[in-house]
């Protein structure tokens, strides 16, 4: 009888443990704490710091500026110059050769043997040239890859078709300051003094005729 009761108590103990384990497995875990949702700010709620800085009298438009048209002026330095750095607003003396992308050469000061001179930054040349000498030194050579927007635009010019991207090989030969005073001309030496002419001898008076 005692052995039976002992086995019964052990069986009941195992049953209680099994019931506790099953309860632990079927009980759903507590829900996680809600995380704040990451909301992407709209253009209306974007901070004013993302707007382009403008004077106070211009109304603020909130948002991030986007690029509509991207124009790139690219170059390769084929020879680094050893002279002075190209100065903005100075007169540049250059040699150049220009090609279309189909290989057509349309102009060359090298072929003519006469350098070309222009004032930088005064729109006397295409925009690609006004910007293309930046960072060069006198004596340097560079190849420019100029998009048509910085060349002759949608209309083209003479032998250059509309919307033509251009390739220029340029060489910065010299530069001069347009505001520099003109060089002082060399002093002209005085003319040598003329030797004094000897005084003419006095003319003797004519003899008086004798009377008899």
N, C-alpha and C. Protein backbone atom coordinates (compact mmCIF):
# COMPACT_ATOMS: atom_id res chain seq x y z
N UNK A 1 0.83 -1.22 0.00
CA UNK A 1 0.00 0.00 0.00
C UNK A 1 0.86 1.26 0.00
N UNK A 2 1.90 1.22 0.81
CA UNK A 2 2.79 2.39 0.90
C UNK A 2 3.49 2.60 -0.44
N UNK A 3 3.87 1.49 -1.08
CA UNK A 3 4.56 1.62 -2.38
C UNK A 3 3.63 2.22 -3.41
N UNK A 4 2.35 1.83 -3.38
CA UNK A 4 1.36 2.36 -4.32
C UNK A 4 1.19 3.85 -4.12
N UNK A 5 1.06 4.27 -2.86
CA UNK A 5 0.89 5.70 -2.58
C UNK A 5 2.12 6.50 -3.02
N UNK A 6 3.27 5.88 -2.81
CA UNK A 6 4.51 6.59 -3.19
C UNK A 6 4.55 6.80 -4.71
N UNK A 7 4.20 5.74 -5.48
CA UNK A 7 4.20 5.88 -6.94
C UNK A 7 3.14 6.87 -7.40
N UNK A 8 2.02 6.89 -6.69
CA UNK A 8 0.94 7.84 -7.05
C UNK A 8 1.38 9.27 -6.85
N UNK A 9 2.07 9.51 -5.76
CA UNK A 9 2.52 10.89 -5.48
C UNK A 9 3.56 11.34 -6.51
N UNK A 10 4.42 10.39 -6.91
CA UNK A 10 5.42 10.75 -7.93
C UNK A 10 4.73 11.05 -9.25
N UNK A 11 3.70 10.25 -9.61
CA UNK A 11 2.99 10.48 -10.87
C UNK A 11 2.29 11.82 -10.86
N UNK A 12 1.67 12.13 -9.70
CA UNK A 12 1.00 13.44 -9.59
C UNK A 12 2.01 14.58 -9.71
N UNK A 13 3.20 14.42 -9.14
CA UNK A 13 4.21 15.48 -9.21
C UNK A 13 4.64 15.70 -10.67
N UNK A 14 4.86 14.57 -11.43
CA UNK A 14 5.23 14.72 -12.83
C UNK A 14 4.12 15.36 -13.64
N UNK A 15 2.86 15.01 -13.31
CA UNK A 15 1.74 15.61 -14.02
C UNK A 15 1.67 17.10 -13.78
N UNK A 16 1.94 17.52 -12.55
CA UNK A 16 1.92 18.95 -12.22
C UNK A 16 3.02 19.70 -12.97
N UNK A 17 4.24 19.08 -13.05
CA UNK A 17 5.34 19.72 -13.78
C UNK A 17 5.03 19.84 -15.28
N UNK A 18 4.45 18.76 -15.83
CA UNK A 18 4.10 18.80 -17.25
C UNK A 18 3.07 19.86 -17.54
N UNK A 19 2.08 19.99 -16.65
CA UNK A 19 1.05 21.01 -16.83
C UNK A 19 1.64 22.40 -16.77
N UNK A 20 2.60 22.60 -15.85
CA UNK A 20 3.23 23.93 -15.72
C UNK A 20 4.03 24.27 -16.98
N UNK A 21 4.74 23.24 -17.54
CA UNK A 21 5.53 23.49 -18.76
C UNK A 21 4.66 23.81 -19.94
N UNK A 22 3.53 23.08 -20.08
CA UNK A 22 2.61 23.35 -21.18
C UNK A 22 2.00 24.72 -21.07
N UNK A 23 1.71 25.13 -19.87
CA UNK A 23 1.14 26.48 -19.66
C UNK A 23 2.13 27.54 -20.05
N UNK A 24 3.44 27.29 -19.73
CA UNK A 24 4.46 28.28 -20.06
C UNK A 24 4.65 28.39 -21.57
N UNK A 25 4.47 27.24 -22.30
CA UNK A 25 4.67 27.30 -23.74
C UNK A 25 3.50 27.95 -24.46
N UNK A 26 2.30 27.75 -23.93
CA UNK A 26 1.12 28.29 -24.62
C UNK A 26 0.81 29.72 -24.26
N UNK A 27 1.42 30.23 -23.21
CA UNK A 27 1.15 31.62 -22.83
C UNK A 27 1.85 32.55 -23.79
N UNK A 28 1.15 33.43 -24.49
CA UNK A 28 1.80 34.33 -25.47
C UNK A 28 2.69 35.33 -24.76
N UNK A 29 3.82 35.67 -25.39
CA UNK A 29 4.72 36.66 -24.76
C UNK A 29 4.06 38.02 -24.74
N UNK A 30 4.47 38.84 -23.83
CA UNK A 30 3.88 40.20 -23.75
C UNK A 30 4.22 40.98 -25.02
N UNK A 31 3.32 41.81 -25.45
CA UNK A 31 3.57 42.59 -26.67
C UNK A 31 4.75 43.54 -26.48
N UNK A 32 5.56 43.74 -27.53
CA UNK A 32 6.70 44.67 -27.39
C UNK A 32 6.20 46.09 -27.24
N UNK A 33 7.08 46.86 -26.65
CA UNK A 33 6.75 48.28 -26.50
C UNK A 33 6.65 48.92 -27.88
N UNK A 34 5.65 49.71 -28.12
CA UNK A 34 5.52 50.35 -29.45
C UNK A 34 6.67 51.30 -29.72
N UNK A 35 7.27 51.17 -30.92
CA UNK A 35 8.36 52.05 -31.32
C UNK A 35 7.79 53.25 -32.07
N UNK A 36 8.37 54.42 -31.86
CA UNK A 36 7.89 55.60 -32.60
C UNK A 36 8.16 55.42 -34.09
N UNK A 37 7.17 55.63 -34.90
CA UNK A 37 7.32 55.47 -36.35
C UNK A 37 8.17 56.60 -36.92
N UNK A 38 9.10 56.19 -37.81
CA UNK A 38 9.97 57.18 -38.46
C UNK A 38 9.22 57.77 -39.64
N UNK A 39 8.80 58.98 -39.51
CA UNK A 39 8.04 59.65 -40.56
C UNK A 39 8.97 60.50 -41.39
N UNK A 40 8.85 60.35 -42.70
CA UNK A 40 9.65 61.16 -43.61
C UNK A 40 9.05 62.56 -43.69
N UNK A 41 9.85 63.57 -43.35
CA UNK A 41 9.28 64.92 -43.37
C UNK A 41 8.87 65.31 -44.78
N UNK A 42 7.72 65.87 -44.86
CA UNK A 42 7.24 66.36 -46.15
C UNK A 42 7.86 67.71 -46.44
N UNK A 43 7.67 68.16 -47.69
CA UNK A 43 8.23 69.45 -48.07
C UNK A 43 7.64 70.56 -47.24
N UNK A 44 6.36 70.39 -46.82
CA UNK A 44 5.72 71.45 -46.04
C UNK A 44 6.29 71.53 -44.64
N UNK A 45 6.76 70.35 -44.09
CA UNK A 45 7.29 70.35 -42.73
C UNK A 45 8.80 70.40 -42.68
N UNK A 46 9.48 70.50 -43.84
CA UNK A 46 10.94 70.55 -43.85
C UNK A 46 11.41 71.81 -43.15
N UNK A 47 12.50 71.72 -42.40
CA UNK A 47 12.99 72.92 -41.71
C UNK A 47 13.45 73.97 -42.70
N UNK A 48 13.40 75.18 -42.25
CA UNK A 48 13.78 76.28 -43.14
C UNK A 48 15.25 76.24 -43.49
N UNK A 49 16.08 75.52 -42.69
CA UNK A 49 17.51 75.46 -42.95
C UNK A 49 17.83 74.74 -44.25
N UNK A 50 16.89 73.92 -44.75
CA UNK A 50 17.13 73.22 -46.01
C UNK A 50 16.87 74.11 -47.21
N UNK A 51 16.31 75.26 -47.03
CA UNK A 51 16.04 76.16 -48.13
C UNK A 51 17.30 76.96 -48.46
N UNK A 52 17.37 77.45 -49.71
CA UNK A 52 18.48 78.30 -50.11
C UNK A 52 18.40 79.61 -49.35
N UNK A 53 19.53 80.05 -48.81
CA UNK A 53 19.55 81.29 -48.06
C UNK A 53 19.28 82.47 -48.98
N UNK A 54 18.27 83.24 -48.66
CA UNK A 54 17.87 84.38 -49.46
C UNK A 54 17.66 85.57 -48.55
N UNK A 55 17.61 86.77 -49.10
CA UNK A 55 17.31 87.94 -48.28
C UNK A 55 15.97 87.81 -47.57
N UNK A 56 15.83 88.52 -46.47
CA UNK A 56 14.65 88.38 -45.61
C UNK A 56 13.36 88.79 -46.31
N UNK A 57 13.44 89.66 -47.31
CA UNK A 57 12.21 90.13 -47.95
C UNK A 57 11.64 89.14 -48.95
N UNK A 58 12.37 88.05 -49.25
CA UNK A 58 11.87 87.03 -50.17
C UNK A 58 11.19 85.94 -49.34
N UNK A 59 9.93 85.60 -49.65
CA UNK A 59 9.23 84.59 -48.84
C UNK A 59 9.96 83.25 -48.85
N UNK A 60 9.89 82.54 -47.72
CA UNK A 60 10.53 81.25 -47.56
C UNK A 60 9.71 80.16 -48.24
N UNK A 61 10.35 79.33 -49.02
CA UNK A 61 9.74 78.14 -49.59
C UNK A 61 10.49 76.95 -49.01
N UNK A 62 9.79 76.14 -48.22
CA UNK A 62 10.45 75.03 -47.53
C UNK A 62 10.61 73.84 -48.47
N UNK A 63 11.77 73.18 -48.35
CA UNK A 63 12.05 72.02 -49.17
C UNK A 63 13.52 71.94 -49.51
N UNK A 64 13.90 70.86 -50.15
CA UNK A 64 15.28 70.62 -50.54
C UNK A 64 15.42 70.90 -52.03
N UNK A 65 16.30 71.83 -52.44
CA UNK A 65 16.45 72.11 -53.88
C UNK A 65 16.93 70.88 -54.63
N UNK A 66 16.39 70.69 -55.82
CA UNK A 66 16.77 69.57 -56.68
C UNK A 66 17.37 70.11 -57.98
N UNK A 67 18.25 69.32 -58.56
CA UNK A 67 18.91 69.71 -59.81
C UNK A 67 18.02 69.39 -60.99
N UNK A 68 17.75 70.39 -61.80
CA UNK A 68 16.93 70.19 -62.99
C UNK A 68 17.80 69.91 -64.21
N UNK A 69 18.85 70.71 -64.38
CA UNK A 69 19.77 70.54 -65.50
C UNK A 69 21.20 70.54 -64.95
N UNK A 70 21.95 69.51 -65.28
CA UNK A 70 23.33 69.40 -64.82
C UNK A 70 24.26 69.55 -66.01
N UNK A 71 25.09 70.60 -65.98
CA UNK A 71 26.02 70.89 -67.06
C UNK A 71 27.43 70.79 -66.50
N UNK A 72 28.26 69.95 -67.11
CA UNK A 72 29.61 69.73 -66.63
C UNK A 72 30.63 70.18 -67.67
N UNK A 73 31.62 70.94 -67.22
CA UNK A 73 32.76 71.34 -68.04
C UNK A 73 33.95 70.51 -67.57
N UNK A 74 34.41 69.58 -68.41
CA UNK A 74 35.48 68.67 -68.01
C UNK A 74 36.78 69.02 -68.74
N UNK A 75 37.90 68.58 -68.17
CA UNK A 75 39.19 68.89 -68.77
C UNK A 75 40.22 67.84 -68.41
N UNK A 76 41.30 67.80 -69.21
CA UNK A 76 42.49 67.00 -68.92
C UNK A 76 43.69 67.91 -69.10
N UNK A 77 44.53 68.01 -68.08
CA UNK A 77 45.77 68.77 -68.20
C UNK A 77 46.82 67.88 -68.86
N UNK A 78 47.21 68.22 -70.09
CA UNK A 78 48.23 67.45 -70.78
C UNK A 78 49.64 67.92 -70.46
N UNK A 79 49.76 69.16 -69.99
CA UNK A 79 51.06 69.71 -69.58
C UNK A 79 50.82 70.75 -68.50
N UNK A 80 51.48 70.59 -67.37
CA UNK A 80 51.35 71.56 -66.28
C UNK A 80 52.34 72.69 -66.51
N UNK A 81 51.82 73.90 -66.51
CA UNK A 81 52.69 75.05 -66.69
C UNK A 81 53.51 75.34 -65.45
N UNK A 82 54.57 76.08 -65.63
CA UNK A 82 55.45 76.46 -64.52
C UNK A 82 55.41 77.96 -64.25
N UNK A 83 54.60 78.69 -65.01
CA UNK A 83 54.51 80.13 -64.81
C UNK A 83 53.47 80.50 -63.77
N UNK A 84 53.06 81.76 -63.80
CA UNK A 84 52.08 82.26 -62.84
C UNK A 84 50.72 81.60 -63.06
N UNK A 85 49.94 81.51 -61.98
CA UNK A 85 48.59 80.99 -62.07
C UNK A 85 47.71 81.96 -62.83
N UNK A 86 46.82 81.42 -63.67
CA UNK A 86 45.93 82.27 -64.47
C UNK A 86 45.09 83.14 -63.55
N UNK A 87 45.10 84.44 -63.80
CA UNK A 87 44.40 85.40 -62.95
C UNK A 87 43.09 85.82 -63.60
N UNK A 88 41.99 85.85 -62.84
CA UNK A 88 40.71 86.26 -63.42
C UNK A 88 40.73 87.72 -63.84
N UNK A 89 40.12 87.99 -64.99
CA UNK A 89 40.02 89.35 -65.48
C UNK A 89 41.22 89.83 -66.26
N UNK A 90 42.24 89.00 -66.40
CA UNK A 90 43.43 89.42 -67.14
C UNK A 90 43.28 89.08 -68.62
N UNK A 91 44.15 89.66 -69.42
CA UNK A 91 44.19 89.35 -70.84
C UNK A 91 45.05 88.10 -71.04
N UNK A 92 44.47 87.09 -71.68
CA UNK A 92 45.18 85.84 -71.93
C UNK A 92 45.62 85.80 -73.39
N UNK A 93 46.84 85.36 -73.60
CA UNK A 93 47.34 85.06 -74.94
C UNK A 93 47.45 83.55 -75.05
N UNK A 94 46.73 82.97 -76.02
CA UNK A 94 46.59 81.51 -76.06
C UNK A 94 46.75 81.00 -77.49
N UNK A 95 47.09 79.72 -77.58
CA UNK A 95 46.97 78.95 -78.81
C UNK A 95 45.87 77.93 -78.59
N UNK A 96 45.16 77.57 -79.66
CA UNK A 96 44.05 76.63 -79.51
C UNK A 96 43.81 75.88 -80.80
N UNK A 97 43.17 74.72 -80.67
CA UNK A 97 42.63 73.96 -81.79
C UNK A 97 41.29 73.40 -81.35
N UNK A 98 40.26 73.56 -82.19
CA UNK A 98 38.91 73.12 -81.83
C UNK A 98 38.40 72.03 -82.76
N UNK A 99 37.75 71.01 -82.16
CA UNK A 99 37.17 69.90 -82.92
C UNK A 99 35.70 69.72 -82.55
N UNK A 100 34.93 69.20 -83.50
CA UNK A 100 33.63 68.62 -83.20
C UNK A 100 33.85 67.19 -82.72
N UNK A 101 32.85 66.60 -82.12
CA UNK A 101 32.98 65.24 -81.61
C UNK A 101 33.05 64.20 -82.74
N UNK A 102 32.72 64.59 -83.96
CA UNK A 102 32.86 63.66 -85.08
C UNK A 102 34.25 63.70 -85.69
N UNK A 103 35.16 64.49 -85.08
CA UNK A 103 36.54 64.57 -85.55
C UNK A 103 36.83 65.73 -86.47
N UNK A 104 35.83 66.55 -86.81
CA UNK A 104 36.04 67.69 -87.70
C UNK A 104 36.77 68.81 -86.96
N UNK A 105 37.90 69.24 -87.50
CA UNK A 105 38.60 70.40 -86.96
C UNK A 105 37.99 71.66 -87.58
N UNK A 106 37.48 72.55 -86.75
CA UNK A 106 36.80 73.73 -87.30
C UNK A 106 37.60 75.01 -87.15
N UNK A 107 38.65 75.02 -86.31
CA UNK A 107 39.44 76.24 -86.16
C UNK A 107 40.73 75.89 -85.44
N UNK A 108 41.80 76.65 -85.74
CA UNK A 108 43.08 76.42 -85.07
C UNK A 108 43.98 77.64 -85.24
N UNK A 109 44.34 78.25 -84.12
CA UNK A 109 45.33 79.32 -84.18
C UNK A 109 46.72 78.76 -84.42
N UNK A 110 46.93 77.49 -84.06
CA UNK A 110 48.23 76.84 -84.30
C UNK A 110 48.49 76.74 -85.79
N UNK A 111 47.47 76.36 -86.56
CA UNK A 111 47.63 76.26 -88.01
C UNK A 111 47.92 77.61 -88.63
N UNK A 112 47.33 78.66 -88.07
CA UNK A 112 47.58 80.00 -88.62
C UNK A 112 48.91 80.57 -88.17
N UNK A 113 49.43 80.04 -87.06
CA UNK A 113 50.70 80.54 -86.53
C UNK A 113 50.56 81.87 -85.80
N UNK A 114 49.33 82.23 -85.42
CA UNK A 114 49.09 83.50 -84.74
C UNK A 114 48.31 83.25 -83.47
N UNK A 115 48.86 83.54 -82.28
CA UNK A 115 48.11 83.35 -81.03
C UNK A 115 46.89 84.25 -80.98
N UNK A 116 45.96 83.88 -80.12
CA UNK A 116 44.72 84.62 -79.93
C UNK A 116 44.74 85.26 -78.55
N UNK A 117 44.27 86.49 -78.46
CA UNK A 117 44.25 87.21 -77.18
C UNK A 117 42.82 87.62 -76.84
N UNK A 118 42.44 87.47 -75.58
CA UNK A 118 41.09 87.87 -75.16
C UNK A 118 41.11 88.21 -73.67
N UNK A 119 40.19 89.09 -73.23
CA UNK A 119 40.06 89.40 -71.80
C UNK A 119 39.17 88.36 -71.12
N UNK A 120 39.68 87.72 -70.10
CA UNK A 120 38.92 86.67 -69.42
C UNK A 120 37.76 87.27 -68.65
N UNK A 121 36.61 86.59 -68.69
CA UNK A 121 35.47 86.97 -67.88
C UNK A 121 34.62 88.10 -68.41
N UNK A 122 34.85 88.57 -69.63
CA UNK A 122 34.07 89.67 -70.18
C UNK A 122 33.15 89.22 -71.31
N UNK A 123 32.92 87.92 -71.43
CA UNK A 123 31.99 87.36 -72.43
C UNK A 123 32.41 87.69 -73.85
N UNK A 124 33.70 87.84 -74.07
CA UNK A 124 34.19 88.02 -75.44
C UNK A 124 34.37 86.68 -76.14
N UNK A 125 34.34 85.61 -75.37
CA UNK A 125 34.48 84.25 -75.90
C UNK A 125 33.34 83.41 -75.33
N UNK A 126 33.26 82.14 -75.73
CA UNK A 126 32.21 81.27 -75.20
C UNK A 126 32.43 81.04 -73.70
N UNK A 127 31.36 80.68 -73.00
CA UNK A 127 31.43 80.51 -71.55
C UNK A 127 32.43 79.42 -71.16
N UNK A 128 32.55 78.38 -71.99
CA UNK A 128 33.50 77.32 -71.69
C UNK A 128 34.93 77.81 -71.67
N UNK A 129 35.23 78.85 -72.45
CA UNK A 129 36.57 79.44 -72.43
C UNK A 129 36.74 80.37 -71.23
N UNK A 130 35.72 81.15 -70.93
CA UNK A 130 35.83 82.04 -69.77
C UNK A 130 36.09 81.26 -68.50
N UNK A 131 35.58 80.03 -68.43
CA UNK A 131 35.76 79.20 -67.24
C UNK A 131 36.88 78.18 -67.38
N UNK A 132 37.28 77.88 -68.61
CA UNK A 132 38.15 76.73 -68.85
C UNK A 132 39.61 76.91 -68.50
N UNK A 133 40.06 78.14 -68.27
CA UNK A 133 41.47 78.37 -67.93
C UNK A 133 41.71 78.41 -66.42
N UNK A 134 40.64 78.26 -65.64
CA UNK A 134 40.78 78.31 -64.19
C UNK A 134 41.74 77.22 -63.70
N UNK A 135 42.71 77.61 -62.89
CA UNK A 135 43.66 76.65 -62.34
C UNK A 135 44.87 76.38 -63.21
N UNK A 136 44.90 76.93 -64.41
CA UNK A 136 46.06 76.73 -65.28
C UNK A 136 47.18 77.68 -64.90
N UNK A 137 48.37 77.33 -65.31
CA UNK A 137 49.53 78.20 -65.17
C UNK A 137 50.07 78.53 -66.56
N UNK A 138 50.74 79.66 -66.64
CA UNK A 138 51.33 80.06 -67.92
C UNK A 138 52.29 78.96 -68.37
N UNK A 139 52.16 78.57 -69.63
CA UNK A 139 52.96 77.48 -70.17
C UNK A 139 52.24 76.15 -70.16
N UNK A 140 51.07 76.09 -69.54
CA UNK A 140 50.32 74.84 -69.44
C UNK A 140 49.48 74.58 -70.67
N UNK A 141 49.16 73.30 -70.88
CA UNK A 141 48.28 72.87 -71.96
C UNK A 141 47.14 72.04 -71.38
N UNK A 142 45.96 72.18 -71.97
CA UNK A 142 44.77 71.53 -71.42
C UNK A 142 43.81 71.18 -72.55
N UNK A 143 43.11 70.06 -72.37
CA UNK A 143 42.01 69.70 -73.29
C UNK A 143 40.70 69.94 -72.58
N UNK A 144 39.83 70.73 -73.21
CA UNK A 144 38.51 71.05 -72.66
C UNK A 144 37.44 70.25 -73.38
N UNK A 145 36.50 69.70 -72.63
CA UNK A 145 35.31 69.05 -73.16
C UNK A 145 34.13 69.94 -72.82
N UNK A 146 33.66 70.71 -73.80
CA UNK A 146 32.71 71.78 -73.55
C UNK A 146 31.33 71.37 -74.04
N UNK A 147 30.32 71.28 -73.16
CA UNK A 147 28.95 70.99 -73.62
C UNK A 147 28.39 72.18 -74.40
N UNK A 148 27.44 71.87 -75.26
CA UNK A 148 26.94 72.92 -76.17
C UNK A 148 26.34 74.10 -75.42
N UNK A 149 25.83 73.86 -74.19
CA UNK A 149 25.25 74.97 -73.42
C UNK A 149 26.31 76.02 -73.05
N UNK A 150 27.57 75.60 -72.98
CA UNK A 150 28.66 76.52 -72.67
C UNK A 150 29.47 76.87 -73.91
N UNK A 151 28.94 76.49 -75.09
CA UNK A 151 29.62 76.79 -76.35
C UNK A 151 28.73 77.71 -77.19
N UNK A 152 28.22 77.20 -78.32
CA UNK A 152 27.41 78.03 -79.21
C UNK A 152 25.93 77.71 -79.15
N UNK A 153 25.53 76.96 -78.10
CA UNK A 153 24.12 76.79 -77.79
C UNK A 153 23.34 75.99 -78.81
N UNK A 154 22.05 76.26 -78.83
CA UNK A 154 21.13 75.51 -79.68
C UNK A 154 21.16 75.96 -81.14
N UNK A 155 21.71 77.13 -81.40
CA UNK A 155 21.71 77.64 -82.78
C UNK A 155 22.99 77.32 -83.53
N UNK A 156 24.11 77.10 -82.81
CA UNK A 156 25.37 76.85 -83.49
C UNK A 156 25.94 78.13 -84.08
N UNK A 157 26.98 77.95 -84.90
CA UNK A 157 27.60 79.13 -85.50
C UNK A 157 28.46 78.71 -86.68
N UNK A 158 28.21 79.30 -87.85
CA UNK A 158 28.99 79.03 -89.06
C UNK A 158 29.10 77.52 -89.28
N UNK A 159 30.33 76.97 -89.19
CA UNK A 159 30.54 75.55 -89.46
C UNK A 159 30.23 74.66 -88.26
N UNK A 160 29.75 75.24 -87.17
CA UNK A 160 29.44 74.47 -85.97
C UNK A 160 27.93 74.24 -85.93
N UNK A 161 27.47 72.98 -86.03
CA UNK A 161 26.03 72.70 -86.05
C UNK A 161 25.36 73.04 -84.72
N UNK A 162 24.04 73.16 -84.71
CA UNK A 162 23.32 73.41 -83.44
C UNK A 162 23.57 72.30 -82.43
N UNK A 163 23.59 72.68 -81.16
CA UNK A 163 23.75 71.76 -80.04
C UNK A 163 25.01 70.90 -80.17
N UNK A 164 26.11 71.54 -80.57
CA UNK A 164 27.37 70.80 -80.75
C UNK A 164 28.23 70.90 -79.50
N UNK A 165 28.54 69.75 -78.90
CA UNK A 165 29.56 69.69 -77.87
C UNK A 165 30.92 69.81 -78.55
N UNK A 166 31.85 70.52 -77.91
CA UNK A 166 33.12 70.82 -78.55
C UNK A 166 34.30 70.30 -77.73
N UNK A 167 35.40 70.07 -78.43
CA UNK A 167 36.67 69.71 -77.80
C UNK A 167 37.69 70.77 -78.21
N UNK A 168 38.37 71.36 -77.22
CA UNK A 168 39.41 72.34 -77.49
C UNK A 168 40.71 71.91 -76.82
N UNK A 169 41.80 71.99 -77.56
CA UNK A 169 43.13 71.93 -76.97
C UNK A 169 43.63 73.36 -76.84
N UNK A 170 43.94 73.77 -75.63
CA UNK A 170 44.33 75.16 -75.38
C UNK A 170 45.70 75.20 -74.72
N UNK A 171 46.41 76.28 -74.95
CA UNK A 171 47.71 76.53 -74.32
C UNK A 171 47.75 77.97 -73.85
N UNK A 172 48.05 78.18 -72.58
CA UNK A 172 48.15 79.52 -72.03
C UNK A 172 49.58 80.00 -72.22
N UNK A 173 49.78 80.90 -73.17
CA UNK A 173 51.12 81.36 -73.50
C UNK A 173 51.57 82.49 -72.57
N UNK A 174 50.68 83.44 -72.32
CA UNK A 174 51.04 84.60 -71.49
C UNK A 174 49.77 85.24 -70.97
N UNK A 175 49.93 86.12 -69.97
CA UNK A 175 48.82 86.90 -69.45
C UNK A 175 49.35 88.27 -69.04
N UNK A 176 48.48 89.27 -69.19
CA UNK A 176 48.86 90.63 -68.84
C UNK A 176 47.72 91.28 -68.06
N UNK A 177 48.09 92.19 -67.18
CA UNK A 177 47.12 92.91 -66.38
C UNK A 177 46.55 94.07 -67.21
N UNK A 178 45.23 94.06 -67.47
CA UNK A 178 44.68 95.14 -68.29
C UNK A 178 44.70 96.49 -67.59
N UNK A 179 44.84 96.49 -66.27
CA UNK A 179 44.85 97.75 -65.52
C UNK A 179 46.26 98.26 -65.22
N UNK A 180 47.25 97.55 -65.71
CA UNK A 180 48.61 97.99 -65.46
C UNK A 180 48.90 99.25 -66.26
N UNK A 181 49.65 100.20 -65.70
CA UNK A 181 49.99 101.41 -66.47
C UNK A 181 50.86 101.03 -67.65
N UNK A 182 50.74 101.78 -68.73
CA UNK A 182 51.57 101.48 -69.89
C UNK A 182 53.05 101.63 -69.56
N UNK A 183 53.88 100.83 -70.17
CA UNK A 183 55.32 100.94 -69.88
C UNK A 183 55.85 102.31 -70.25
N UNK A 184 56.77 102.78 -69.45
CA UNK A 184 57.38 104.08 -69.71
C UNK A 184 58.32 103.96 -70.90
N UNK A 185 58.14 104.80 -71.90
CA UNK A 185 59.05 104.71 -73.06
C UNK A 185 60.46 105.08 -72.66
N UNK A 186 61.44 104.48 -73.30
CA UNK A 186 62.83 104.81 -72.95
C UNK A 186 63.13 106.27 -73.23
N UNK A 187 63.96 106.82 -72.35
CA UNK A 187 64.31 108.24 -72.51
C UNK A 187 65.11 108.43 -73.79
N UNK A 188 64.77 109.48 -74.50
CA UNK A 188 65.48 109.80 -75.75
C UNK A 188 66.71 110.61 -75.39
N UNK A 189 67.91 110.14 -75.75
CA UNK A 189 69.11 110.92 -75.41
C UNK A 189 69.09 112.26 -76.12
N UNK A 190 69.59 113.27 -75.46
CA UNK A 190 69.61 114.61 -76.12
C UNK A 190 70.51 114.59 -77.36
N UNK A 191 70.14 115.42 -78.28
CA UNK A 191 70.94 115.51 -79.51
C UNK A 191 72.30 116.10 -79.18
N UNK A 192 73.34 115.59 -79.81
CA UNK A 192 74.68 116.15 -79.52
C UNK A 192 74.74 117.62 -79.90
N UNK A 193 75.46 118.34 -79.06
CA UNK A 193 75.59 119.79 -79.31
C UNK A 193 76.36 120.02 -80.60
N UNK A 194 75.87 120.96 -81.36
CA UNK A 194 76.55 121.30 -82.60
C UNK A 194 77.80 122.13 -82.30
N UNK A 195 78.91 121.84 -82.99
CA UNK A 195 80.12 122.66 -82.73
C UNK A 195 79.90 124.11 -83.16
N UNK A 196 80.49 125.00 -82.39
CA UNK A 196 80.33 126.44 -82.68
C UNK A 196 80.98 126.77 -84.02
N UNK A 197 80.27 127.53 -84.80
CA UNK A 197 80.81 127.93 -86.10
C UNK A 197 81.79 129.08 -85.90
N UNK A 198 82.94 129.01 -86.58
CA UNK A 198 83.91 130.13 -86.43
C UNK A 198 83.31 131.43 -86.98
N UNK A 199 83.64 132.49 -86.29
CA UNK A 199 83.12 133.79 -86.71
C UNK A 199 83.67 134.14 -88.09
N UNK A 200 82.83 134.70 -88.92
CA UNK A 200 83.27 135.09 -90.27
C UNK A 200 84.22 136.28 -90.15
N UNK A 201 85.30 136.26 -90.92
CA UNK A 201 86.25 137.41 -90.85
C UNK A 201 85.56 138.70 -91.30
N UNK A 202 85.99 139.75 -90.66
CA UNK A 202 85.40 141.06 -90.99
C UNK A 202 85.77 141.45 -92.41
N UNK A 203 84.82 141.99 -93.11
CA UNK A 203 85.05 142.41 -94.50
C UNK A 203 85.80 143.73 -94.49
N UNK A 204 86.97 143.78 -95.13
CA UNK A 204 87.71 145.06 -95.12
C UNK A 204 86.94 146.12 -95.91
N UNK A 205 87.07 147.33 -95.46
CA UNK A 205 86.35 148.38 -96.19
C UNK A 205 86.90 148.54 -97.60
N UNK A 206 86.05 148.90 -98.46
CA UNK A 206 86.48 149.10 -99.86
C UNK A 206 87.43 150.29 -99.93
N UNK A 207 88.51 150.18 -100.74
CA UNK A 207 89.45 151.34 -100.81
C UNK A 207 88.76 152.53 -101.46
N UNK A 208 89.18 153.68 -100.94
CA UNK A 208 88.64 154.93 -101.50
C UNK A 208 89.40 155.29 -102.76
N UNK A 209 88.66 155.75 -103.73
CA UNK A 209 89.38 156.15 -105.00
C UNK A 209 90.25 157.37 -104.74
N UNK A 210 91.45 157.38 -105.33
CA UNK A 210 92.38 158.53 -105.17
C UNK A 210 92.01 159.63 -106.14
N UNK A 211 92.14 160.88 -105.68
CA UNK A 211 91.88 162.04 -106.54
C UNK A 211 93.18 162.67 -106.92
N UNK A 212 93.29 163.18 -108.12
CA UNK A 212 94.52 163.84 -108.58
C UNK A 212 94.36 165.33 -108.53
